[in-house]
Amino acid sequence: MHRNTEKQRTNITVDARTLAEARALNLNVSAISEAALARAVREAAARSWAEENAEALAERRAWIDANGMPLAAYQVLKTD
């Protein structure tokens, strides 16, 4: 997903050899860094959400274990 957002300059510290190799390969270090940071943010947010909602998710799983999947009788693709 590409968003037109305001960019902000920042400084990062990276291994000199890796940076030199990236430049020699004409890699866009800023774009790669931004993509890696965006991925890390998404993953951290997902972990945080899972931790915050762990109790509710466990309760739902327990309910399904006890009662079965809602509307399972109407499921088109049977897996059992």
Protein backbone atom coordinates (compact mmCIF):
# COMPACT_ATOMS: atom_id res chain seq x y z
CA MET A 1 0.00 0.00 0.00
CA HIS A 2 1.54 3.27 -1.08
CA ARG A 3 0.50 6.41 0.70
CA ASN A 4 1.35 9.97 -0.21
CA THR A 5 2.57 11.20 3.12
CA GLU A 6 4.91 13.91 4.18
CA LYS A 7 8.48 12.70 4.41
CA GLN A 8 10.73 13.55 7.31
CA ARG A 9 14.50 13.45 7.24
CA THR A 10 16.28 11.34 9.80
CA ASN A 11 19.73 9.94 10.36
CA ILE A 12 20.47 6.27 10.81
CA THR A 13 23.68 4.41 11.45
CA VAL A 14 24.43 1.44 9.22
CA ASP A 15 27.41 -0.77 8.55
CA ALA A 16 29.75 1.09 6.19
CA ARG A 17 30.45 -1.94 4.01
CA THR A 18 26.76 -2.72 3.60
CA LEU A 19 26.02 0.88 2.68
CA ALA A 20 28.85 0.93 0.14
CA GLU A 21 27.59 -2.30 -1.44
CA ALA A 22 24.05 -0.96 -1.57
CA ARG A 23 25.22 2.20 -3.29
CA ALA A 24 27.36 0.20 -5.73
CA LEU A 25 24.25 -1.80 -6.62
CA ASN A 26 22.24 1.42 -7.05
CA LEU A 27 19.85 0.40 -4.29
CA ASN A 28 17.55 3.07 -2.91
CA VAL A 29 18.65 2.98 0.72
CA SER A 30 15.91 5.38 1.82
CA ALA A 31 13.13 3.34 0.22
CA ILE A 32 14.52 0.08 1.59
CA SER A 33 14.87 1.58 5.07
CA GLU A 34 11.35 2.99 4.93
CA ALA A 35 9.90 -0.35 3.81
CA ALA A 36 11.76 -2.23 6.55
CA LEU A 37 10.64 0.27 9.18
CA ALA A 38 7.03 0.11 7.98
CA ARG A 39 7.12 -3.68 8.19
CA ALA A 40 8.61 -3.57 11.69
CA VAL A 41 5.90 -1.14 12.78
CA ARG A 42 3.13 -3.37 11.35
CA GLU A 43 4.58 -6.44 13.06
CA ALA A 44 4.99 -4.65 16.40
CA ALA A 45 1.44 -3.29 16.18
CA ALA A 46 0.11 -6.78 15.43
CA ARG A 47 2.00 -8.25 18.40
CA SER A 48 0.72 -5.46 20.63
CA TRP A 49 -2.87 -6.03 19.46
CA ALA A 50 -2.57 -9.77 20.06
CA GLU A 51 -1.21 -9.18 23.57
CA GLU A 52 -3.93 -6.65 24.39
CA ASN A 53 -6.64 -8.99 23.12
CA ALA A 54 -5.19 -12.32 24.28
CA GLU A 55 -7.84 -12.82 26.94
CA ALA A 56 -10.74 -12.20 24.56
CA LEU A 57 -9.20 -14.45 21.92
CA ALA A 58 -8.72 -17.23 24.48
CA GLU A 59 -12.33 -16.86 25.61
CA ARG A 60 -13.54 -17.09 22.01
CA ARG A 61 -11.43 -20.18 21.36
CA ALA A 62 -12.78 -21.79 24.53
CA TRP A 63 -16.36 -20.99 23.49
CA ILE A 64 -15.78 -22.51 20.05
CA ASP A 65 -14.20 -25.60 21.61
CA ALA A 66 -17.26 -25.98 23.84
CA ASN A 67 -19.95 -25.04 21.31
CA GLY A 68 -18.48 -25.54 17.86
CA MET A 69 -18.17 -22.99 15.11
CA PRO A 70 -21.18 -20.75 14.68
CA LEU A 71 -23.06 -21.58 11.48
CA ALA A 72 -20.85 -24.64 10.88
CA ALA A 73 -23.84 -26.51 9.49
CA TYR A 74 -23.95 -24.02 6.63
CA GLN A 75 -20.25 -24.22 5.82
CA VAL A 76 -19.67 -24.88 2.13
CA LEU A 77 -16.15 -26.29 2.38
CA LYS A 78 -16.03 -29.05 4.97
CA THR A 79 -12.57 -29.79 6.35
CA ASP A 80 -13.38 -32.80 8.51
